[in-house]
Amino acid sequence: MVIVMQAGAPEAQVEHVIETVTKAGFTAHPIYGVNLTVIAVIGDKTAEHIEAFGTLPGVDHVARIDRPYKLAARRPEVTATTQIAVGSVVIGGVELCVMAGPCTVESEQGLGEVGRGVRDAGARILRGGAYKPRTSPYSFQGLREAGLAVLRMAADRLKMPFVTEVMDTRAVELVCKYADMLQIGARNMQNFALLSEVGAAGKPVLLKRGMSCTVEDLLMAAEYIMSAGSESIVLCERGIRTFEGGTRNTLDLSAVPALKRYSHLPVVVDPSHGTGLAWMVPAMCKAAIAAGADGLMVEVHQCPEKALSDGQQSLTIEDFARTMAECAPVAEAVGRRMGGPS
């Protein structure tokens, strides 16, 4: 960080700041100018230190010169994206990873039909909700543990890993018994107790961006998980709330290159939640790949008009297969490739 002294601050105040900084465990390097004195401070830092130093006599302001997330940050000497393994599937490599399946598990038969369809079209990870956070308490909340069991059976038959959301610290242990990857949903991105619990669980984590959260907020949430012990995190852009009412959310594809610049963690895009409209999903899949995403998360249902949740944003199995085929030349154009049938 850098501490900028007020113009004309007396030497005694400068020395007091240097002494305070040193006692706090930092190294201070004062730079004396004609009108201003600037103190470069080297060492680990917290927001509390920045706030405290800003209150010292003679200080004009304190500025950070690097980012507050340490573990999630991309280091200058490392240009490659960290590759995250979910079972036998790798996210962050040349091959794009597509996660697909229904918003929520409704039945063993329905999940099996969708699972076979998305696998044959090239999806690598099965997705499905057993616990569903809904705006209304009267909406379908998921099959819970029964849904987890159905997901496990389907994934084993299909020879695919599966990802599902965990909503509560009390459910982490249970979900870990079944799932290959834990999802933190948008509504829980800043549930810090849950982030820490999931970080200590030892499973790969899919971390979705909160609907009103910045890119830095997302990376700080990842930092919570990493500081608790997990290094296997995949970031997910799934749209944010803006004044635009034509779509469910505004899919912020500019977040993809931003996250790739600031962090070494792989990034996937969820155009289903990002738009809320099935007819937009294929175009946004292609745009996400062109923007540099490492993968996609797509909702697919065997009969979207009868889905118990998010049917309006779910692709049919046929539309998903068509979308995967259309994405292939885009992936090739940016030096990536789509996965083939498992």
Protein backbone atom coordinates (compact mmCIF):
# COMPACT_ATOMS: atom_id res chain seq x y z
CA MET A 1 0.00 0.00 0.00
CA VAL A 2 0.99 3.66 -0.29
CA ILE A 3 0.42 6.28 2.41
CA VAL A 4 0.25 9.80 1.04
CA MET A 5 0.93 12.51 3.61
CA GLN A 6 -0.80 15.87 3.57
CA ALA A 7 1.05 18.73 1.88
CA GLY A 8 3.39 20.33 4.40
CA ALA A 9 3.01 17.55 6.99
CA PRO A 10 5.75 18.09 9.61
CA GLU A 11 8.59 15.63 10.01
CA ALA A 12 7.26 14.51 13.39
CA GLN A 13 4.03 13.28 11.81
CA VAL A 14 5.92 11.45 9.08
CA GLU A 15 8.10 9.74 11.67
CA HIS A 16 5.05 8.79 13.72
CA VAL A 17 3.45 7.15 10.69
CA ILE A 18 6.65 5.24 9.89
CA GLU A 19 6.90 4.06 13.50
CA THR A 20 3.26 2.93 13.55
CA VAL A 21 3.63 1.09 10.26
CA THR A 22 6.78 -0.67 11.45
CA LYS A 23 5.20 -1.72 14.75
CA ALA A 24 2.32 -3.26 12.77
CA GLY A 25 4.81 -5.57 11.05
CA PHE A 26 5.25 -3.72 7.76
CA THR A 27 8.34 -2.25 6.10
CA ALA A 28 8.13 1.48 5.41
CA HIS A 29 9.99 3.26 2.62
CA PRO A 30 9.47 7.05 2.79
CA ILE A 31 9.85 9.04 -0.41
CA TYR A 32 10.38 12.74 0.25
CA GLY A 33 9.15 15.08 -2.49
CA VAL A 34 9.16 18.85 -2.80
CA ASN A 35 5.56 19.22 -1.68
CA LEU A 36 4.48 15.76 -0.54
CA THR A 37 5.90 12.81 1.33
CA VAL A 38 4.79 9.36 0.22
CA ILE A 39 5.44 6.25 2.31
CA ALA A 40 5.55 2.95 0.44
CA VAL A 41 4.45 0.13 2.75
CA ILE A 42 5.52 -3.43 2.00
CA GLY A 43 4.02 -6.53 3.60
CA ASP A 44 0.78 -8.41 3.95
CA LYS A 45 -2.19 -6.21 4.66
CA THR A 46 -5.81 -6.10 5.68
CA ALA A 47 -8.58 -3.58 5.16
CA GLU A 48 -8.37 -2.79 8.87
CA HIS A 49 -4.74 -1.69 8.54
CA ILE A 50 -5.57 0.56 5.61
CA GLU A 51 -8.41 2.16 7.54
CA ALA A 52 -6.30 2.59 10.68
CA PHE A 53 -3.35 4.17 8.87
CA GLY A 54 -5.70 6.58 7.17
CA THR A 55 -6.66 8.07 10.57
CA LEU A 56 -3.09 8.92 11.63
CA PRO A 57 -2.24 12.64 12.01
CA GLY A 58 -0.90 14.15 8.81
CA VAL A 59 -2.14 11.38 6.49
CA ASP A 60 -4.08 12.49 3.42
CA HIS A 61 -5.09 9.06 2.13
CA VAL A 62 -4.02 5.43 1.85
CA ALA A 63 -4.11 3.54 -1.45
CA ARG A 64 -3.72 -0.15 -2.26
CA ILE A 65 -1.25 -0.96 -5.01
CA ASP A 66 -2.18 -4.64 -5.33
CA ARG A 67 -5.35 -6.64 -4.94
CA PRO A 68 -6.84 -7.90 -1.66
CA TYR A 69 -7.23 -11.49 -2.86
CA LYS A 70 -3.91 -13.31 -2.55
CA LEU A 71 -4.61 -16.97 -3.33
CA ALA A 72 -7.02 -16.35 -6.20
CA ALA A 73 -4.83 -13.72 -7.88
CA ARG A 74 -2.92 -14.43 -11.06
CA ARG A 75 0.78 -14.05 -10.43
CA PRO A 76 2.81 -12.23 -13.10
CA GLU A 77 5.13 -15.17 -13.63
CA VAL A 78 2.26 -17.64 -14.18
CA THR A 79 0.24 -17.16 -17.34
CA ALA A 80 -1.55 -20.52 -17.54
CA THR A 81 -5.01 -21.11 -16.13
CA THR A 82 -5.10 -23.55 -13.23
CA GLN A 83 -6.67 -26.82 -14.31
CA ILE A 84 -9.30 -28.24 -11.97
CA ALA A 85 -10.08 -31.95 -11.97
CA VAL A 86 -13.63 -33.13 -11.32
CA GLY A 87 -13.37 -36.89 -11.40
CA SER A 88 -11.78 -37.67 -14.77
CA VAL A 89 -12.85 -34.32 -16.26
CA VAL A 90 -10.48 -31.36 -16.42
CA ILE A 91 -11.68 -27.74 -16.47
CA GLY A 92 -9.27 -25.09 -17.68
CA GLY A 93 -7.49 -26.95 -20.46
CA VAL A 94 -7.73 -26.67 -24.23
CA GLU A 95 -10.94 -28.71 -24.28
CA LEU A 96 -13.96 -26.74 -23.13
CA CYS A 97 -15.97 -28.33 -20.35
CA VAL A 98 -19.75 -28.25 -20.70
CA MET A 99 -21.97 -28.96 -17.69
CA ALA A 100 -25.55 -29.71 -18.62
CA GLY A 101 -28.75 -31.10 -17.18
CA PRO A 102 -32.07 -30.04 -15.67
CA CYS A 103 -32.45 -27.13 -13.28
CA THR A 104 -33.83 -29.54 -10.72
CA VAL A 105 -34.08 -33.32 -10.43
CA GLU A 106 -37.73 -34.26 -10.90
CA SER A 107 -37.57 -38.01 -11.50
CA GLU A 108 -35.11 -40.81 -12.13
CA GLN A 109 -36.54 -41.41 -15.59
CA GLY A 110 -36.41 -37.75 -16.62
CA LEU A 111 -32.86 -37.26 -15.37
CA GLY A 112 -31.74 -40.42 -17.17
CA GLU A 113 -33.21 -39.22 -20.46
CA VAL A 114 -31.63 -35.78 -20.21
CA GLY A 115 -28.34 -37.22 -18.98
CA ARG A 116 -28.01 -39.55 -21.96
CA GLY A 117 -28.88 -36.76 -24.35
CA VAL A 118 -26.36 -34.25 -23.02
CA ARG A 119 -23.63 -36.87 -22.68
CA ASP A 120 -24.08 -37.99 -26.27
CA ALA A 121 -23.93 -34.35 -27.43
CA GLY A 122 -20.59 -33.80 -25.66
CA ALA A 123 -21.35 -32.59 -22.13
CA ARG A 124 -18.72 -33.70 -19.65
CA ILE A 125 -20.41 -33.01 -16.29
CA LEU A 126 -24.03 -33.64 -15.34
CA ARG A 127 -25.76 -30.83 -13.49
CA GLY A 128 -28.97 -30.94 -11.49
CA GLY A 129 -30.47 -29.43 -8.37
CA ALA A 130 -31.51 -31.51 -5.37
CA TYR A 131 -31.94 -28.45 -3.14
CA LYS A 132 -33.43 -25.42 -4.90
CA PRO A 133 -33.32 -21.87 -3.52
CA ARG A 134 -36.59 -20.33 -4.70
CA THR A 135 -37.85 -16.79 -4.32
CA SER A 136 -41.22 -18.11 -3.14
CA PRO A 137 -41.43 -20.56 -0.24
CA TYR A 138 -44.38 -22.18 -2.04
CA SER A 139 -42.37 -23.08 -5.15
CA PHE A 140 -40.88 -26.55 -5.65
CA GLN A 141 -37.84 -26.80 -3.36
CA GLY A 142 -36.24 -29.96 -4.79
CA LEU A 143 -36.19 -33.62 -3.82
CA ARG A 144 -33.34 -33.06 -1.34
CA GLU A 145 -31.49 -36.25 -0.34
CA ALA A 146 -33.66 -38.36 -2.62
CA GLY A 147 -32.59 -36.07 -5.45
CA LEU A 148 -28.94 -36.53 -4.52
CA ALA A 149 -29.36 -40.30 -4.65
CA VAL A 150 -30.99 -40.09 -8.09
CA LEU A 151 -28.15 -37.86 -9.33
CA ARG A 152 -25.54 -40.31 -8.05
CA MET A 153 -27.22 -43.27 -9.74
CA ALA A 154 -27.62 -41.42 -13.02
CA ALA A 155 -24.05 -40.12 -12.99
CA ASP A 156 -22.67 -43.60 -12.31
CA ARG A 157 -24.69 -45.12 -15.15
CA LEU A 158 -23.60 -42.36 -17.53
CA LYS A 159 -19.98 -42.49 -16.27
CA MET A 160 -20.06 -38.71 -15.70
CA PRO A 161 -19.28 -36.69 -12.57
CA PHE A 162 -22.08 -34.42 -11.35
CA VAL A 163 -22.32 -30.99 -9.76
CA THR A 164 -25.13 -29.86 -7.49
CA GLU A 165 -25.82 -26.92 -5.23
CA VAL A 166 -25.31 -26.91 -1.47
CA MET A 167 -27.26 -24.20 0.35
CA ASP A 168 -26.57 -24.67 4.03
CA THR A 169 -23.57 -25.41 6.23
CA ARG A 170 -25.62 -28.19 7.83
CA ALA A 171 -25.99 -29.95 4.45
CA VAL A 172 -22.35 -29.86 3.33
CA GLU A 173 -21.41 -33.25 4.77
CA LEU A 174 -24.49 -34.90 3.29
CA VAL A 175 -24.05 -33.41 -0.19
CA CYS A 176 -20.35 -34.39 -0.15
CA LYS A 177 -21.38 -38.04 0.30
CA TYR A 178 -23.02 -37.96 -3.13
CA ALA A 179 -21.64 -35.14 -5.30
CA ASP A 180 -18.40 -34.86 -7.26
CA MET A 181 -18.49 -31.06 -7.24
CA LEU A 182 -20.24 -28.60 -4.93
CA GLN A 183 -21.99 -25.54 -6.34
CA ILE A 184 -22.33 -22.28 -4.44
CA GLY A 185 -25.30 -20.48 -5.96
CA ALA A 186 -25.61 -16.77 -6.64
CA ARG A 187 -27.73 -16.16 -3.55
CA ASN A 188 -25.08 -17.74 -1.32
CA MET A 189 -21.95 -16.25 -2.88
CA GLN A 190 -21.43 -14.06 0.21
CA ASN A 191 -22.59 -16.61 2.77
CA PHE A 192 -19.14 -16.61 4.33
CA ALA A 193 -19.82 -19.41 6.81
CA LEU A 194 -20.91 -21.65 3.93
CA LEU A 195 -17.88 -20.65 1.84
CA SER A 196 -15.53 -21.63 4.64
CA GLU A 197 -17.35 -24.92 5.28
CA VAL A 198 -17.24 -25.86 1.62
CA GLY A 199 -13.58 -24.85 1.42
CA ALA A 200 -12.74 -27.30 4.18
CA ALA A 201 -14.75 -30.14 2.62
CA GLY A 202 -12.14 -31.13 0.05
CA LYS A 203 -14.43 -31.22 -3.00
CA PRO A 204 -14.07 -29.11 -6.17
CA VAL A 205 -16.29 -26.03 -6.01
CA LEU A 206 -18.28 -24.19 -8.67
CA LEU A 207 -18.69 -20.63 -7.40
CA LYS A 208 -21.40 -18.56 -9.05
CA ARG A 209 -21.26 -14.78 -9.11
CA GLY A 210 -23.88 -13.08 -6.96
CA MET A 211 -26.58 -11.23 -8.85
CA SER A 212 -25.50 -7.83 -7.47
CA CYS A 213 -21.80 -8.54 -6.93
CA THR A 214 -18.69 -7.16 -8.61
CA VAL A 215 -15.85 -9.16 -10.12
CA GLU A 216 -13.77 -8.35 -7.04
CA ASP A 217 -16.60 -9.55 -4.77
CA LEU A 218 -16.55 -12.87 -6.63
CA LEU A 219 -12.79 -13.22 -6.26
CA MET A 220 -12.96 -12.37 -2.57
CA ALA A 221 -15.58 -15.12 -2.16
CA ALA A 222 -13.16 -17.50 -3.88
CA GLU A 223 -10.50 -16.30 -1.44
CA TYR A 224 -12.71 -17.40 1.47
CA ILE A 225 -12.95 -20.91 0.02
CA MET A 226 -9.23 -21.09 -0.75
CA SER A 227 -8.21 -19.78 2.67
CA ALA A 228 -10.23 -22.64 4.20
CA GLY A 229 -8.19 -25.21 2.31
CA SER A 230 -9.60 -25.76 -1.18
CA GLU A 231 -7.65 -24.84 -4.31
CA SER A 232 -10.10 -26.47 -6.73
CA ILE A 233 -12.45 -23.62 -7.60
CA VAL A 234 -14.19 -22.82 -10.87
CA LEU A 235 -15.69 -19.34 -11.21
CA CYS A 236 -19.05 -18.92 -12.92
CA GLU A 237 -20.51 -15.82 -14.55
CA ARG A 238 -24.32 -16.19 -14.51
CA GLY A 239 -25.62 -12.70 -15.09
CA ILE A 240 -26.16 -9.71 -12.84
CA ARG A 241 -29.12 -7.47 -12.09
CA THR A 242 -29.32 -4.23 -14.03
CA PHE A 243 -32.11 -1.87 -15.09
CA GLU A 244 -32.66 -3.98 -18.24
CA GLY A 245 -35.98 -5.80 -18.06
CA GLY A 246 -35.89 -7.66 -21.35
CA THR A 247 -33.93 -10.58 -19.90
CA ARG A 248 -33.91 -12.30 -16.53
CA ASN A 249 -30.41 -10.97 -15.83
CA THR A 250 -27.74 -9.15 -17.81
CA LEU A 251 -25.07 -11.65 -18.86
CA ASP A 252 -21.81 -9.83 -18.17
CA LEU A 253 -19.44 -11.42 -20.66
CA SER A 254 -16.88 -8.67 -19.98
CA ALA A 255 -16.36 -10.43 -16.65
CA VAL A 256 -14.76 -13.37 -18.46
CA PRO A 257 -11.62 -11.58 -19.74
CA ALA A 258 -11.52 -9.56 -16.52
CA LEU A 259 -11.48 -12.69 -14.37
CA LYS A 260 -8.93 -14.33 -16.66
CA ARG A 261 -6.68 -11.29 -16.27
CA TYR A 262 -6.98 -10.97 -12.50
CA SER A 263 -7.16 -14.64 -11.48
CA HIS A 264 -5.62 -17.99 -12.40
CA LEU A 265 -8.88 -19.84 -11.73
CA PRO A 266 -10.90 -21.24 -14.66
CA VAL A 267 -14.11 -19.46 -15.67
CA VAL A 268 -17.35 -20.91 -17.01
CA VAL A 269 -20.47 -19.09 -18.16
CA ASP A 270 -24.11 -19.94 -17.43
CA PRO A 271 -26.16 -18.37 -20.24
CA SER A 272 -29.35 -20.07 -19.03
CA HIS A 273 -29.59 -18.01 -15.84
CA GLY A 274 -27.73 -15.15 -17.51
CA THR A 275 -30.59 -14.53 -19.95
CA GLY A 276 -33.54 -16.55 -18.66
CA LEU A 277 -34.64 -17.13 -22.25
CA ALA A 278 -33.96 -20.41 -24.05
CA TRP A 279 -33.84 -18.78 -27.49
CA MET A 280 -30.92 -16.60 -26.38
CA VAL A 281 -28.86 -19.43 -24.90
CA PRO A 282 -27.22 -20.76 -28.11
CA ALA A 283 -25.97 -17.31 -29.14
CA MET A 284 -24.64 -16.58 -25.66
CA CYS A 285 -22.89 -19.96 -25.54
CA LYS A 286 -20.97 -19.02 -28.66
CA ALA A 287 -20.27 -15.51 -27.38
CA ALA A 288 -18.97 -16.90 -24.06
CA ILE A 289 -16.53 -19.18 -25.88
CA ALA A 290 -15.34 -16.28 -28.03
CA ALA A 291 -14.82 -14.20 -24.86
CA GLY A 292 -12.45 -16.84 -23.46
CA ALA A 293 -14.60 -18.96 -21.17
CA ASP A 294 -13.24 -22.37 -20.15
CA GLY A 295 -16.66 -23.95 -20.27
CA LEU A 296 -20.43 -23.58 -20.20
CA MET A 297 -23.25 -24.50 -17.83
CA VAL A 298 -26.53 -25.11 -19.67
CA GLU A 299 -29.96 -26.10 -18.43
CA VAL A 300 -31.56 -28.88 -20.49
CA HIS A 301 -34.94 -30.54 -19.97
CA GLN A 302 -36.69 -33.31 -21.88
CA CYS A 303 -39.89 -31.24 -21.94
CA PRO A 304 -39.22 -27.61 -20.87
CA GLU A 305 -42.89 -26.60 -20.93
CA LYS A 306 -43.56 -29.13 -18.14
CA ALA A 307 -40.46 -28.36 -16.05
CA LEU A 308 -41.05 -27.68 -12.36
CA SER A 309 -38.54 -24.80 -12.43
CA ASP A 310 -36.86 -22.60 -15.05
CA GLY A 311 -38.50 -24.23 -18.04
CA GLN A 312 -38.46 -20.97 -19.99
CA GLN A 313 -34.65 -20.94 -20.02
CA SER A 314 -34.06 -24.66 -20.59
CA LEU A 315 -33.05 -26.10 -23.96
CA THR A 316 -34.58 -29.28 -25.30
CA ILE A 317 -32.19 -32.19 -25.76
CA GLU A 318 -32.29 -31.61 -29.52
CA ASP A 319 -31.58 -27.89 -29.20
CA PHE A 320 -28.67 -28.61 -26.87
CA ALA A 321 -27.10 -31.01 -29.37
CA ARG A 322 -27.52 -28.42 -32.11
CA THR A 323 -25.95 -25.73 -29.93
CA MET A 324 -22.94 -27.92 -29.17
CA ALA A 325 -22.40 -28.48 -32.90
CA GLU A 326 -22.67 -24.75 -33.60
CA CYS A 327 -20.15 -23.96 -30.84
CA ALA A 328 -17.46 -26.22 -32.31
CA PRO A 329 -16.22 -23.83 -35.06
CA VAL A 330 -16.21 -20.92 -32.59
CA ALA A 331 -14.07 -22.94 -30.18
CA GLU A 332 -11.70 -23.87 -33.00
CA ALA A 333 -11.39 -20.21 -34.03
CA VAL A 334 -10.11 -19.25 -30.57
CA GLY A 335 -7.77 -22.23 -30.20
CA ARG A 336 -10.07 -24.45 -28.13
CA ARG A 337 -12.17 -27.51 -28.87
CA MET A 338 -15.50 -28.89 -27.78
CA GLY A 339 -15.67 -32.26 -26.13
CA GLY A 340 -17.02 -35.18 -28.16
CA PRO A 341 -19.50 -37.77 -26.88
CA SER A 342 -18.20 -39.45 -23.71
